[in-house]
Protein backbone atom coordinates (compact mmCIF):
# COMPACT_ATOMS: atom_id res chain seq x y z
CA MET A 1 25.92 -5.90 -20.14
CA ASN A 2 25.89 -5.01 -16.45
CA GLU A 3 27.56 -1.68 -17.18
CA TYR A 4 24.50 -0.44 -19.11
CA LYS A 5 21.10 0.67 -17.94
CA LEU A 6 18.00 1.91 -19.69
CA LYS A 7 17.72 5.68 -20.01
CA THR A 8 14.62 7.04 -18.34
CA PRO A 9 13.19 10.36 -19.44
CA LYS A 10 12.09 12.94 -16.86
CA GLN A 11 8.40 12.26 -17.62
CA ALA A 12 8.88 8.57 -16.81
CA GLU A 13 10.43 9.43 -13.46
CA ALA A 14 7.46 11.71 -12.70
CA VAL A 15 4.99 8.97 -13.63
CA VAL A 16 6.80 6.42 -11.46
CA GLY A 17 6.89 8.87 -8.56
CA THR A 18 3.16 9.54 -8.88
CA TYR A 19 2.45 5.81 -9.10
CA LYS A 20 4.45 5.16 -5.92
CA LYS A 21 2.49 7.85 -4.04
CA ILE A 22 -0.82 6.35 -5.20
CA GLU A 23 0.36 2.85 -4.33
CA GLU A 24 1.41 3.93 -0.84
CA THR A 25 -1.95 5.62 -0.23
CA VAL A 26 -3.93 2.57 -1.37
CA VAL A 27 -1.80 0.13 0.63
CA ASN A 28 -2.08 2.25 3.78
CA ALA A 29 -5.86 2.49 3.36
CA TYR A 30 -6.09 -1.29 2.93
CA LYS A 31 -3.97 -1.88 6.02
CA LYS A 32 -6.21 0.44 8.05
CA VAL A 33 -9.35 -1.41 6.91
CA GLU A 34 -7.71 -4.77 7.60
CA ASP A 35 -6.63 -3.70 11.09
CA THR A 36 -10.15 -2.48 11.84
CA VAL A 37 -11.75 -5.71 10.65
CA VAL A 38 -9.27 -7.92 12.50
CA GLY A 39 -9.68 -5.82 15.65
CA GLY A 40 -13.46 -6.22 15.47
CA TYR A 41 -13.12 -9.95 14.96
CA LYS A 42 -10.82 -10.25 17.97
CA GLN A 43 -13.34 -8.38 20.14
CA ILE A 44 -16.14 -10.71 19.05
CA GLU A 45 -13.93 -13.75 19.58
CA GLY A 46 -12.95 -12.55 23.05
CA LYS A 47 -16.58 -12.00 24.06
CA PHE A 48 -17.52 -15.44 22.72
CA VAL A 49 -14.72 -17.10 24.69
CA ASP A 50 -15.71 -15.24 27.85
CA ALA A 51 -19.40 -16.15 27.43
CA PHE A 52 -19.20 -19.81 26.42
CA LEU A 53 -15.81 -21.24 27.36
CA GLU A 54 -13.91 -21.68 30.57
CA LYS A 55 -10.29 -22.47 31.31
CA VAL A 56 -9.42 -25.99 32.37
CA GLU A 57 -6.33 -27.23 34.12
CA ASP A 58 -4.16 -29.30 31.83
CA ASP A 59 -3.20 -32.23 34.05
CA SER A 60 -3.52 -35.08 31.57
CA GLN A 61 -1.95 -33.54 28.44
CA GLY A 62 -5.17 -33.73 26.43
CA SER A 63 -6.18 -37.30 27.27
CA GLU A 64 -9.53 -36.53 28.81
CA THR A 65 -11.56 -39.54 29.88
CA PRO A 66 -15.30 -39.29 29.40
CA PRO A 67 -17.53 -39.77 32.43
CA ALA A 68 -18.73 -43.31 33.03
CA ALA A 69 -22.17 -43.99 31.63
CA GLU A 70 -24.73 -45.13 34.18
CA GLU A 71 -26.53 -48.31 33.21
């Protein structure tokens, strides 16, 4: 049956073409909104990191010892 395919009338091809144009427009709009939101989030995250966190040297591979408690 691989030698056969479904006949598509000209109207069907026009409908599919219109659908693809609409789909492309919607997807591009979604991507633009997503990029804007993610960009805003990254700016907020960057400002948070700058304000509240500081870089530390990684000498001990994550095995930080807490300071000794004074008794």
